[in-house]
Amino acid sequence: MLNKIIYTILGISIALVFFPHPSKDSSRNRIVSGTSTQRVEDALTPTPEMAVNLSAPILTAKAALAYDYNSGAILYSRNLDEKLPIASLTKLMTALAVMENQNLNAVVEIEKQDVGVVGSSIGLAAGEKITVDSLLHAMLIASSNDAAVALANFVAGSDDKFAELMNKQAEVYGLVSTHFSNAVGWDIGDNYSNTLDLIKIVKEFLKNSELRQIVQTKQMTISSIDGKYIHELTTTNKFLLDNPEVVGIKTGFTSQAKGNLIILINHYGRQIITIVLDSDDREADTQKLLDWLFTVYKW
């Protein structure tokens, strides 16, 4: 009798293993292009196919990446895991950290420590009162360093403490080759990332409809609460001004990081993200990469 029970249980176990049964793990990650992962429900769009065997473009950039946002496929890479300074690309994470910790309608009173900063500036004045939303626009459109400093001091009390918030957020996003030392992207301390981590930051950034809209903006005017101070903003992204397919996102430059550029482009119904880091000519390198992509792949 005992043997009969044992054989019955064994038979049921074998049936459960080998008989077809529905899968419940619909959100399992899969490997795409050997290096990046993409959720199944996000990967229903087919990966672009190579149509022409053409040598990769010769770029001055030390690292570069082209990423198909729709399928999650890496279409081109160069030194994709090399840690490099990223200049004002840092401000993408600054914006994300601000959005996590502050209301857009909050009013910031500009302090003396916020003004007269090194690099690009919109001319904020001590005592000026302006919204977080306006400062985000200044930081992401005109790459305003004084806006970034003002936001960091307002949110966390100091640039150092704000950098701590940024690094905590980096851990949440699973960034393994990124560290922030300031909100601007200055070549101070350890402020670096790589193209793989930057793609993760960009994807988080683009999930936010307000931030996505800001980086599509070519020109606008912002003002202090009382209207006393007026600031004209023009994007630093030349591609956004010249190419109607481009819909973002951010530029960066310092003497150490050299030219940096991330763009998002709509092409035949696909969204492509390109990144160039440590470039002697970020616009020329980006254009070469785009020309190569749109020649080599079927769209």
C-alpha atoms as a PDB file:
ATOM      1  CA  MET A   1       0.000   0.000   0.000  1.00  0.00           C
ATOM      2  CA  LEU A   2       2.826   2.403   0.914  1.00  0.00           C
ATOM      3  CA  ASN A   3       4.600   1.712  -2.360  1.00  0.00           C
ATOM      4  CA  LYS A   4       1.388   2.483  -4.293  1.00  0.00           C
ATOM      5  CA  ILE A   5       1.070   5.881  -2.553  1.00  0.00           C
ATOM      6  CA  ILE A   6       4.714   6.740  -3.258  1.00  0.00           C
ATOM      7  CA  TYR A   7       4.345   5.849  -6.962  1.00  0.00           C
ATOM      8  CA  THR A   8       1.169   7.932  -7.190  1.00  0.00           C
ATOM      9  CA  ILE A   9       2.854  11.031  -5.723  1.00  0.00           C
ATOM     10  CA  LEU A  10       5.876  10.520  -7.994  1.00  0.00           C
ATOM     11  CA  GLY A  11       3.631  10.294 -11.031  1.00  0.00           C
ATOM     12  CA  ILE A  12       1.823  13.535 -10.218  1.00  0.00           C
ATOM     13  CA  SER A  13       5.165  15.346  -9.713  1.00  0.00           C
ATOM     14  CA  ILE A  14       6.453  14.212 -13.098  1.00  0.00           C
ATOM     15  CA  ALA A  15       3.249  15.352 -14.768  1.00  0.00           C
ATOM     16  CA  LEU A  16       3.520  18.810 -13.251  1.00  0.00           C
ATOM     17  CA  VAL A  17       7.067  19.160 -14.557  1.00  0.00           C
ATOM     18  CA  PHE A  18       6.534  17.963 -18.117  1.00  0.00           C
ATOM     19  CA  PHE A  19       2.935  18.807 -18.968  1.00  0.00           C
ATOM     20  CA  PRO A  20       2.306  22.279 -20.486  1.00  0.00           C
ATOM     21  CA  HIS A  21       1.081  24.929 -18.046  1.00  0.00           C
ATOM     22  CA  PRO A  22       0.559  28.709 -18.317  1.00  0.00           C
ATOM     23  CA  SER A  23       3.411  31.008 -17.349  1.00  0.00           C
ATOM     24  CA  LYS A  24       2.718  33.750 -14.806  1.00  0.00           C
ATOM     25  CA  ASP A  25       6.060  35.541 -15.141  1.00  0.00           C
ATOM     26  CA  SER A  26       5.038  38.013 -17.868  1.00  0.00           C
ATOM     27  CA  SER A  27       7.409  40.754 -16.669  1.00  0.00           C
ATOM     28  CA  ARG A  28      10.628  38.745 -16.632  1.00  0.00           C
ATOM     29  CA  ASN A  29      13.644  40.560 -18.056  1.00  0.00           C
ATOM     30  CA  ARG A  30      15.382  39.309 -21.164  1.00  0.00           C
ATOM     31  CA  ILE A  31      18.793  40.080 -22.567  1.00  0.00           C
ATOM     32  CA  VAL A  32      18.838  42.367 -25.612  1.00  0.00           C
ATOM     33  CA  SER A  33      21.927  42.794 -27.825  1.00  0.00           C
ATOM     34  CA  GLY A  34      23.978  40.921 -25.242  1.00  0.00           C
ATOM     35  CA  THR A  35      24.403  43.918 -22.923  1.00  0.00           C
ATOM     36  CA  SER A  36      21.151  45.631 -21.966  1.00  0.00           C
ATOM     37  CA  THR A  37      17.951  44.293 -20.415  1.00  0.00           C
ATOM     38  CA  GLN A  38      14.410  45.177 -21.361  1.00  0.00           C
ATOM     39  CA  ARG A  39      11.066  44.143 -19.890  1.00  0.00           C
ATOM     40  CA  VAL A  40       9.027  41.814 -22.087  1.00  0.00           C
ATOM     41  CA  GLU A  41       6.054  44.169 -22.327  1.00  0.00           C
ATOM     42  CA  ASP A  42       8.372  46.971 -23.454  1.00  0.00           C
ATOM     43  CA  ALA A  43      10.125  44.808 -26.033  1.00  0.00           C
ATOM     44  CA  LEU A  44       7.218  43.997 -28.320  1.00  0.00           C
ATOM     45  CA  THR A  45       8.651  46.369 -30.940  1.00  0.00           C
ATOM     46  CA  PRO A  46      11.106  44.417 -33.121  1.00  0.00           C
ATOM     47  CA  THR A  47      14.768  45.314 -32.986  1.00  0.00           C
ATOM     48  CA  PRO A  48      15.898  47.204 -36.116  1.00  0.00           C
ATOM     49  CA  GLU A  49      17.708  44.942 -38.593  1.00  0.00           C
ATOM     50  CA  MET A  50      20.999  45.763 -40.247  1.00  0.00           C
ATOM     51  CA  ALA A  51      20.493  46.369 -43.960  1.00  0.00           C
ATOM     52  CA  VAL A  52      24.003  47.423 -44.997  1.00  0.00           C
ATOM     53  CA  ASN A  53      27.412  46.294 -43.817  1.00  0.00           C
ATOM     54  CA  LEU A  54      29.102  49.643 -43.303  1.00  0.00           C
ATOM     55  CA  SER A  55      32.136  50.447 -41.174  1.00  0.00           C
ATOM     56  CA  ALA A  56      31.360  52.199 -37.903  1.00  0.00           C
ATOM     57  CA  PRO A  57      31.730  55.983 -37.969  1.00  0.00           C
ATOM     58  CA  ILE A  58      35.018  57.534 -36.904  1.00  0.00           C
ATOM     59  CA  LEU A  59      34.252  59.713 -33.885  1.00  0.00           C
ATOM     60  CA  THR A  60      36.390  61.971 -31.733  1.00  0.00           C
ATOM     61  CA  ALA A  61      34.269  60.965 -28.705  1.00  0.00           C
ATOM     62  CA  LYS A  62      35.946  58.655 -26.233  1.00  0.00           C
ATOM     63  CA  ALA A  63      32.627  56.889 -25.551  1.00  0.00           C
ATOM     64  CA  ALA A  64      29.368  56.738 -27.493  1.00  0.00           C
ATOM     65  CA  LEU A  65      26.114  54.801 -27.545  1.00  0.00           C
ATOM     66  CA  ALA A  66      23.029  54.551 -29.752  1.00  0.00           C
ATOM     67  CA  TYR A  67      19.962  52.996 -28.167  1.00  0.00           C
ATOM     68  CA  ASP A  68      16.595  52.066 -29.646  1.00  0.00           C
ATOM     69  CA  TYR A  69      14.155  53.231 -26.977  1.00  0.00           C
ATOM     70  CA  ASN A  70      11.289  51.185 -28.430  1.00  0.00           C
ATOM     71  CA  SER A  71      12.930  47.760 -28.433  1.00  0.00           C
ATOM     72  CA  GLY A  72      15.665  48.295 -25.840  1.00  0.00           C
ATOM     73  CA  ALA A  73      18.399  47.349 -28.301  1.00  0.00           C
ATOM     74  CA  ILE A  74      21.874  48.844 -28.347  1.00  0.00           C
ATOM     75  CA  LEU A  75      22.564  49.767 -31.975  1.00  0.00           C
ATOM     76  CA  TYR A  76      26.086  51.125 -31.550  1.00  0.00           C
ATOM     77  CA  SER A  77      28.555  51.303 -28.687  1.00  0.00           C
ATOM     78  CA  ARG A  78      32.051  52.532 -28.046  1.00  0.00           C
ATOM     79  CA  ASN A  79      33.652  52.148 -24.618  1.00  0.00           C
ATOM     80  CA  LEU A  80      30.150  51.839 -23.208  1.00  0.00           C
ATOM     81  CA  ASP A  81      31.327  50.964 -19.690  1.00  0.00           C
ATOM     82  CA  GLU A  82      34.140  53.526 -19.347  1.00  0.00           C
ATOM     83  CA  LYS A  83      33.667  55.950 -16.448  1.00  0.00           C
ATOM     84  CA  LEU A  84      34.026  59.554 -17.612  1.00  0.00           C
ATOM     85  CA  PRO A  85      33.197  63.043 -16.315  1.00  0.00           C
ATOM     86  CA  ILE A  86      29.798  64.079 -17.699  1.00  0.00           C
ATOM     87  CA  ALA A  87      29.680  67.860 -17.183  1.00  0.00           C
ATOM     88  CA  SER A  88      26.127  69.261 -17.347  1.00  0.00           C
ATOM     89  CA  LEU A  89      24.585  65.906 -18.224  1.00  0.00           C
ATOM     90  CA  THR A  90      24.669  65.742 -14.428  1.00  0.00           C
ATOM     91  CA  LYS A  91      21.692  68.111 -14.418  1.00  0.00           C
ATOM     92  CA  LEU A  92      19.411  65.306 -15.588  1.00  0.00           C
ATOM     93  CA  MET A  93      19.917  63.624 -12.223  1.00  0.00           C
ATOM     94  CA  THR A  94      19.711  66.997 -10.474  1.00  0.00           C
ATOM     95  CA  ALA A  95      16.259  67.453 -11.980  1.00  0.00           C
ATOM     96  CA  LEU A  96      15.164  63.945 -10.960  1.00  0.00           C
ATOM     97  CA  ALA A  97      16.343  64.506  -7.384  1.00  0.00           C
ATOM     98  CA  VAL A  98      14.501  67.841  -7.233  1.00  0.00           C
ATOM     99  CA  MET A  99      11.299  66.222  -8.489  1.00  0.00           C
ATOM    100  CA  GLU A 100      11.607  63.527  -5.818  1.00  0.00           C
ATOM    101  CA  ASN A 101      12.077  65.998  -2.984  1.00  0.00           C
ATOM    102  CA  GLN A 102      10.308  69.260  -3.805  1.00  0.00           C
ATOM    103  CA  ASN A 103       7.065  70.727  -5.151  1.00  0.00           C
ATOM    104  CA  LEU A 104       7.243  72.501  -8.515  1.00  0.00           C
ATOM    105  CA  ASN A 105       5.212  75.425  -7.171  1.00  0.00           C
ATOM    106  CA  ALA A 106       7.505  75.996  -4.197  1.00  0.00           C
ATOM    107  CA  VAL A 107       9.082  79.449  -4.133  1.00  0.00           C
ATOM    108  CA  VAL A 108      12.867  79.766  -3.856  1.00  0.00           C
ATOM    109  CA  GLU A 109      14.435  82.926  -2.477  1.00  0.00           C
ATOM    110  CA  ILE A 110      17.791  83.288  -4.178  1.00  0.00           C
ATOM    111  CA  GLU A 111      20.681  83.577  -1.711  1.00  0.00           C
ATOM    112  CA  LYS A 112      24.075  85.234  -2.170  1.00  0.00           C
ATOM    113  CA  GLN A 113      25.689  81.791  -2.432  1.00  0.00           C
ATOM    114  CA  ASP A 114      23.499  81.023  -5.471  1.00  0.00           C
ATOM    115  CA  VAL A 115      24.701  83.896  -7.645  1.00  0.00           C
ATOM    116  CA  GLY A 116      27.924  84.642  -9.496  1.00  0.00           C
ATOM    117  CA  VAL A 117      28.721  80.964 -10.046  1.00  0.00           C
ATOM    118  CA  VAL A 118      31.253  79.764 -12.594  1.00  0.00           C
ATOM    119  CA  GLY A 119      29.989  78.936 -16.074  1.00  0.00           C
ATOM    120  CA  SER A 120      26.635  79.420 -17.765  1.00  0.00           C
ATOM    121  CA  SER A 121      24.225  81.641 -15.870  1.00  0.00           C
ATOM    122  CA  ILE A 122      20.842  83.316 -16.343  1.00  0.00           C
ATOM    123  CA  GLY A 123      21.779  86.120 -13.949  1.00  0.00           C
ATOM    124  CA  LEU A 124      19.770  85.241 -10.851  1.00  0.00           C
ATOM    125  CA  ALA A 125      19.823  88.023  -8.268  1.00  0.00           C
ATOM    126  CA  ALA A 126      20.131  87.698  -4.504  1.00  0.00           C
ATOM    127  CA  GLY A 127      16.705  88.241  -2.949  1.00  0.00           C
ATOM    128  CA  GLU A 128      14.864  87.250  -6.118  1.00  0.00           C
ATOM    129  CA  LYS A 129      11.921  84.919  -5.528  1.00  0.00           C
ATOM    130  CA  ILE A 130      11.269  82.352  -8.227  1.00  0.00           C
ATOM    131  CA  THR A 131       9.531  78.969  -8.445  1.00  0.00           C
ATOM    132  CA  VAL A 132      11.215  75.566  -8.514  1.00  0.00           C
ATOM    133  CA  ASP A 133       9.508  74.987 -11.856  1.00  0.00           C
ATOM    134  CA  SER A 134      11.108  78.095 -13.389  1.00  0.00           C
ATOM    135  CA  LEU A 135      14.535  77.113 -12.077  1.00  0.00           C
ATOM    136  CA  LEU A 136      14.171  73.631 -13.574  1.00  0.00           C
ATOM    137  CA  HIS A 137      13.384  75.205 -16.941  1.00  0.00           C
ATOM    138  CA  ALA A 138      16.455  77.440 -16.669  1.00  0.00           C
ATOM    139  CA  MET A 139      18.687  74.517 -15.709  1.00  0.00           C
ATOM    140  CA  LEU A 140      17.499  72.123 -18.418  1.00  0.00           C
ATOM    141  CA  ILE A 141      16.937  74.547 -21.319  1.00  0.00           C
ATOM    142  CA  ALA A 142      19.749  77.063 -20.893  1.00  0.00           C
ATOM    143  CA  SER A 143      21.931  74.763 -18.753  1.00  0.00           C
ATOM    144  CA  SER A 144      21.969  77.435 -16.052  1.00  0.00           C
ATOM    145  CA  ASN A 145      24.559  76.708 -13.356  1.00  0.00           C
ATOM    146  CA  ASP A 146      23.127  79.302 -10.991  1.00  0.00           C
ATOM    147  CA  ALA A 147      19.702  77.658 -11.239  1.00  0.00           C
ATOM    148  CA  ALA A 148      21.232  74.262 -10.413  1.00  0.00           C
ATOM    149  CA  VAL A 149      23.065  75.668  -7.381  1.00  0.00           C
ATOM    150  CA  ALA A 150      19.941  77.481  -6.166  1.00  0.00           C
ATOM    151  CA  LEU A 151      17.885  74.285  -6.449  1.00  0.00           C
ATOM    152  CA  ALA A 152      20.504  72.216  -4.625  1.00  0.00           C
ATOM    153  CA  ASN A 153      20.763  74.711  -1.760  1.00  0.00           C
ATOM    154  CA  PHE A 154      16.981  75.062  -1.511  1.00  0.00           C
ATOM    155  CA  VAL A 155      16.266  71.324  -1.500  1.00  0.00           C
ATOM    156  CA  ALA A 156      19.101  70.077   0.695  1.00  0.00           C
ATOM    157  CA  GLY A 157      20.697  73.120   2.342  1.00  0.00           C
ATOM    158  CA  SER A 158      24.018  72.719   0.536  1.00  0.00           C
ATOM    159  CA  ASP A 159      25.495  71.327  -2.655  1.00  0.00           C
ATOM    160  CA  ASP A 160      27.261  68.543  -0.743  1.00  0.00           C
ATOM    161  CA  LYS A 161      24.077  67.355   0.930  1.00  0.00           C
ATOM    162  CA  PHE A 162      22.226  67.535  -2.359  1.00  0.00           C
ATOM    163  CA  ALA A 163      24.913  65.347  -3.954  1.00  0.00           C
ATOM    164  CA  GLU A 164      24.153  62.783  -1.248  1.00  0.00           C
ATOM    165  CA  LEU A 165      20.513  62.798  -2.378  1.00  0.00           C
ATOM    166  CA  MET A 166      21.650  62.322  -5.967  1.00  0.00           C
ATOM    167  CA  ASN A 167      23.815  59.333  -5.053  1.00  0.00           C
ATOM    168  CA  LYS A 168      20.989  57.731  -3.079  1.00  0.00           C
ATOM    169  CA  GLN A 169      18.750  58.158  -6.112  1.00  0.00           C
ATOM    170  CA  ALA A 170      21.480  56.615  -8.267  1.00  0.00           C
ATOM    171  CA  GLU A 171      21.357  53.516  -6.059  1.00  0.00           C
ATOM    172  CA  VAL A 172      17.587  53.316  -6.511  1.00  0.00           C
ATOM    173  CA  TYR A 173      18.056  53.388 -10.293  1.00  0.00           C
ATOM    174  CA  GLY A 174      20.671  50.638 -10.121  1.00  0.00           C
ATOM    175  CA  LEU A 175      23.548  52.781 -11.363  1.00  0.00           C
ATOM    176  CA  VAL A 176      26.779  50.900 -10.731  1.00  0.00           C
ATOM    177  CA  SER A 177      29.332  53.163 -12.455  1.00  0.00           C
ATOM    178  CA  THR A 178      28.073  56.610 -11.471  1.00  0.00           C
ATOM    179  CA  HIS A 179      28.890  59.057  -8.704  1.00  0.00           C
ATOM    180  CA  PHE A 180      27.894  62.671  -8.170  1.00  0.00           C
ATOM    181  CA  SER A 181      29.836  65.325  -6.257  1.00  0.00           C
ATOM    182  CA  ASN A 182      27.770  68.395  -7.202  1.00  0.00           C
ATOM    183  CA  ALA A 183      24.500  69.407  -8.847  1.00  0.00           C
ATOM    184  CA  VAL A 184      26.065  71.259 -11.780  1.00  0.00           C
ATOM    185  CA  GLY A 185      28.555  68.793 -13.228  1.00  0.00           C
ATOM    186  CA  TRP A 186      31.704  70.730 -12.415  1.00  0.00           C
ATOM    187  CA  ASP A 187      35.032  68.894 -12.514  1.00  0.00           C
ATOM    188  CA  ILE A 188      35.145  68.844  -8.722  1.00  0.00           C
ATOM    189  CA  GLY A 189      35.608  65.605  -6.819  1.00  0.00           C
ATOM    190  CA  ASP A 190      34.288  62.367  -8.279  1.00  0.00           C
ATOM    191  CA  ASN A 191      31.529  63.302 -10.712  1.00  0.00           C
ATOM    192  CA  TYR A 192      31.318  60.645 -13.396  1.00  0.00           C
ATOM    193  CA  SER A 193      29.181  58.079 -15.186  1.00  0.00           C
ATOM    194  CA  ASN A 194      29.235  55.851 -18.270  1.00  0.00           C
ATOM    195  CA  THR A 195      26.936  55.464 -21.259  1.00  0.00           C
ATOM    196  CA  LEU A 196      25.150  52.407 -19.843  1.00  0.00           C
ATOM    197  CA  ASP A 197      24.220  54.219 -16.634  1.00  0.00           C
ATOM    198  CA  LEU A 198      23.302  57.360 -18.555  1.00  0.00           C
ATOM    199  CA  ILE A 199      20.762  55.372 -20.570  1.00  0.00           C
ATOM    200  CA  LYS A 200      19.141  54.338 -17.284  1.00  0.00           C
ATOM    201  CA  ILE A 201      19.053  57.974 -16.141  1.00  0.00           C
ATOM    202  CA  VAL A 202      17.556  59.098 -19.454  1.00  0.00           C
ATOM    203  CA  LYS A 203      14.855  56.423 -19.280  1.00  0.00           C
ATOM    204  CA  GLU A 204      13.894  57.528 -15.758  1.00  0.00           C
ATOM    205  CA  PHE A 205      13.951  61.158 -16.881  1.00  0.00           C
ATOM    206  CA  LEU A 206      11.694  60.522 -19.875  1.00  0.00           C
ATOM    207  CA  LYS A 207       9.115  58.800 -17.686  1.00  0.00           C
ATOM    208  CA  ASN A 208       8.368  62.210 -16.167  1.00  0.00           C
ATOM    209  CA  SER A 209       6.053  64.140 -18.504  1.00  0.00           C
ATOM    210  CA  GLU A 210       7.008  67.562 -17.053  1.00  0.00           C
ATOM    211  CA  LEU A 211      10.737  66.981 -17.506  1.00  0.00           C
ATOM    212  CA  ARG A 212      10.255  65.490 -20.964  1.00  0.00           C
ATOM    213  CA  GLN A 213       8.348  68.619 -22.012  1.00  0.00           C
ATOM    214  CA  ILE A 214      10.997  70.964 -20.619  1.00  0.00           C
ATOM    215  CA  VAL A 215      13.834  69.467 -22.687  1.00  0.00           C
ATOM    216  CA  GLN A 216      11.731  69.814 -25.852  1.00  0.00           C
ATOM    217  CA  THR A 217      11.499  73.574 -25.324  1.00  0.00           C
ATOM    218  CA  LYS A 218      13.590  75.720 -27.654  1.00  0.00           C
ATOM    219  CA  GLN A 219      12.993  79.157 -26.162  1.00  0.00           C
ATOM    220  CA  MET A 220      10.932  80.698 -23.388  1.00  0.00           C
ATOM    221  CA  THR A 221      10.849  83.483 -20.813  1.00  0.00           C
ATOM    222  CA  ILE A 222      10.677  83.000 -17.060  1.00  0.00           C
ATOM    223  CA  SER A 223      10.393  85.616 -14.352  1.00  0.00           C
ATOM    224  CA  SER A 224      10.498  86.135 -10.623  1.00  0.00           C
ATOM    225  CA  ILE A 225       7.229  85.965  -8.694  1.00  0.00           C
ATOM    226  CA  ASP A 226       6.860  89.750  -8.675  1.00  0.00           C
ATOM    227  CA  GLY A 227       7.866  90.106 -12.337  1.00  0.00           C
ATOM    228  CA  LYS A 228      10.846  92.301 -11.443  1.00  0.00           C
ATOM    229  CA  TYR A 229      13.419  89.902 -12.886  1.00  0.00           C
ATOM    230  CA  ILE A 230      13.016  88.537 -16.416  1.00  0.00           C
ATOM    231  CA  HIS A 231      15.144  85.715 -17.790  1.00  0.00           C
ATOM    232  CA  GLU A 232      15.225  84.725 -21.471  1.00  0.00           C
ATOM    233  CA  LEU A 233      16.028  81.066 -22.062  1.00  0.00           C
ATOM    234  CA  THR A 234      17.371  79.504 -25.270  1.00  0.00           C
ATOM    235  CA  THR A 235      18.271  75.839 -25.532  1.00  0.00           C
ATOM    236  CA  THR A 236      21.932  74.859 -25.702  1.00  0.00           C
ATOM    237  CA  ASN A 237      20.934  71.863 -27.836  1.00  0.00           C
ATOM    238  CA  LYS A 238      21.659  72.899 -31.450  1.00  0.00           C
ATOM    239  CA  PHE A 239      19.966  69.761 -32.778  1.00  0.00           C
ATOM    240  CA  LEU A 240      16.718  70.815 -31.147  1.00  0.00           C
ATOM    241  CA  LEU A 241      16.913  74.122 -33.012  1.00  0.00           C
ATOM    242  CA  ASP A 242      17.925  72.669 -36.378  1.00  0.00           C
ATOM    243  CA  ASN A 243      16.376  69.195 -36.647  1.00  0.00           C
ATOM    244  CA  PRO A 244      12.561  68.851 -36.343  1.00  0.00           C
ATOM    245  CA  GLU A 245      12.909  65.138 -35.513  1.00  0.00           C
ATOM    246  CA  VAL A 246      14.905  65.889 -32.340  1.00  0.00           C
ATOM    247  CA  VAL A 247      12.870  66.183 -29.113  1.00  0.00           C
ATOM    248  CA  GLY A 248      15.578  66.592 -26.455  1.00  0.00           C
ATOM    249  CA  ILE A 249      17.538  66.235 -24.276  1.00  0.00           C
ATOM    250  CA  LYS A 250      20.817  67.698 -22.806  1.00  0.00           C
ATOM    251  CA  THR A 251      24.248  69.129 -23.520  1.00  0.00           C
ATOM    252  CA  GLY A 252      27.357  69.348 -21.379  1.00  0.00           C
ATOM    253  CA  PHE A 253      30.856  70.786 -21.532  1.00  0.00           C
ATOM    254  CA  THR A 254      33.799  71.370 -19.202  1.00  0.00           C
ATOM    255  CA  SER A 255      37.528  71.509 -19.907  1.00  0.00           C
ATOM    256  CA  GLN A 256      37.988  68.051 -18.386  1.00  0.00           C
ATOM    257  CA  ALA A 257      34.813  66.354 -19.648  1.00  0.00           C
ATOM    258  CA  LYS A 258      35.015  68.080 -23.062  1.00  0.00           C
ATOM    259  CA  GLY A 259      31.906  67.896 -25.239  1.00  0.00           C
ATOM    260  CA  ASN A 260      28.961  65.781 -24.098  1.00  0.00           C
ATOM    261  CA  LEU A 261      25.574  65.400 -25.748  1.00  0.00           C
ATOM    262  CA  ILE A 262      22.497  63.235 -25.380  1.00  0.00           C
ATOM    263  CA  ILE A 263      19.711  63.569 -27.910  1.00  0.00           C
ATOM    264  CA  LEU A 264      16.342  61.887 -28.386  1.00  0.00           C
ATOM    265  CA  ILE A 265      15.184  61.714 -31.984  1.00  0.00           C
ATOM    266  CA  ASN A 266      11.944  60.488 -33.540  1.00  0.00           C
ATOM    267  CA  HIS A 267      12.725  58.642 -36.762  1.00  0.00           C
ATOM    268  CA  TYR A 268      10.071  56.795 -38.763  1.00  0.00           C
ATOM    269  CA  GLY A 269       8.041  56.128 -35.656  1.00  0.00           C
ATOM    270  CA  ARG A 270      11.048  55.008 -33.597  1.00  0.00           C
ATOM    271  CA  GLN A 271      12.697  56.851 -30.714  1.00  0.00           C
ATOM    272  CA  ILE A 272      16.484  56.732 -30.782  1.00  0.00           C
ATOM    273  CA  ILE A 273      18.765  57.967 -28.001  1.00  0.00           C
ATOM    274  CA  THR A 274      22.375  58.812 -28.795  1.00  0.00           C
ATOM    275  CA  ILE A 275      25.097  59.669 -26.306  1.00  0.00           C
ATOM    276  CA  VAL A 276      28.584  61.036 -26.959  1.00  0.00           C
ATOM    277  CA  LEU A 277      31.077  61.671 -24.156  1.00  0.00           C
ATOM    278  CA  ASP A 278      34.488  63.349 -24.142  1.00  0.00           C
ATOM    279  CA  SER A 279      34.120  64.672 -27.667  1.00  0.00           C
ATOM    280  CA  ASP A 280      36.100  67.309 -29.517  1.00  0.00           C
ATOM    281  CA  ASP A 281      32.959  68.151 -31.519  1.00  0.00           C
ATOM    282  CA  ARG A 282      29.819  66.730 -29.915  1.00  0.00           C
ATOM    283  CA  GLU A 283      27.473  67.921 -32.675  1.00  0.00           C
ATOM    284  CA  ALA A 284      29.611  66.568 -35.526  1.00  0.00           C
ATOM    285  CA  ASP A 285      30.085  63.237 -33.759  1.00  0.00           C
ATOM    286  CA  THR A 286      26.368  62.953 -33.104  1.00  0.00           C
ATOM    287  CA  GLN A 287      25.520  63.727 -36.736  1.00  0.00           C
ATOM    288  CA  LYS A 288      28.007  61.114 -37.974  1.00  0.00           C
ATOM    289  CA  LEU A 289      26.446  58.565 -35.656  1.00  0.00           C
ATOM    290  CA  LEU A 290      22.920  59.402 -36.809  1.00  0.00           C
ATOM    291  CA  ASP A 291      23.895  59.251 -40.488  1.00  0.00           C
ATOM    292  CA  TRP A 292      25.452  55.833 -39.918  1.00  0.00           C
ATOM    293  CA  LEU A 293      22.441  54.512 -37.986  1.00  0.00           C
ATOM    294  CA  PHE A 294      19.922  55.629 -40.585  1.00  0.00           C
ATOM    295  CA  THR A 295      22.011  54.096 -43.386  1.00  0.00           C
ATOM    296  CA  VAL A 296      22.895  50.795 -41.749  1.00  0.00           C
ATOM    297  CA  TYR A 297      19.550  49.848 -40.169  1.00  0.00           C
ATOM    298  CA  LYS A 298      16.130  49.125 -41.649  1.00  0.00           C
ATOM    299  CA  TRP A 299      13.486  51.392 -40.132  1.00  0.00           C
END
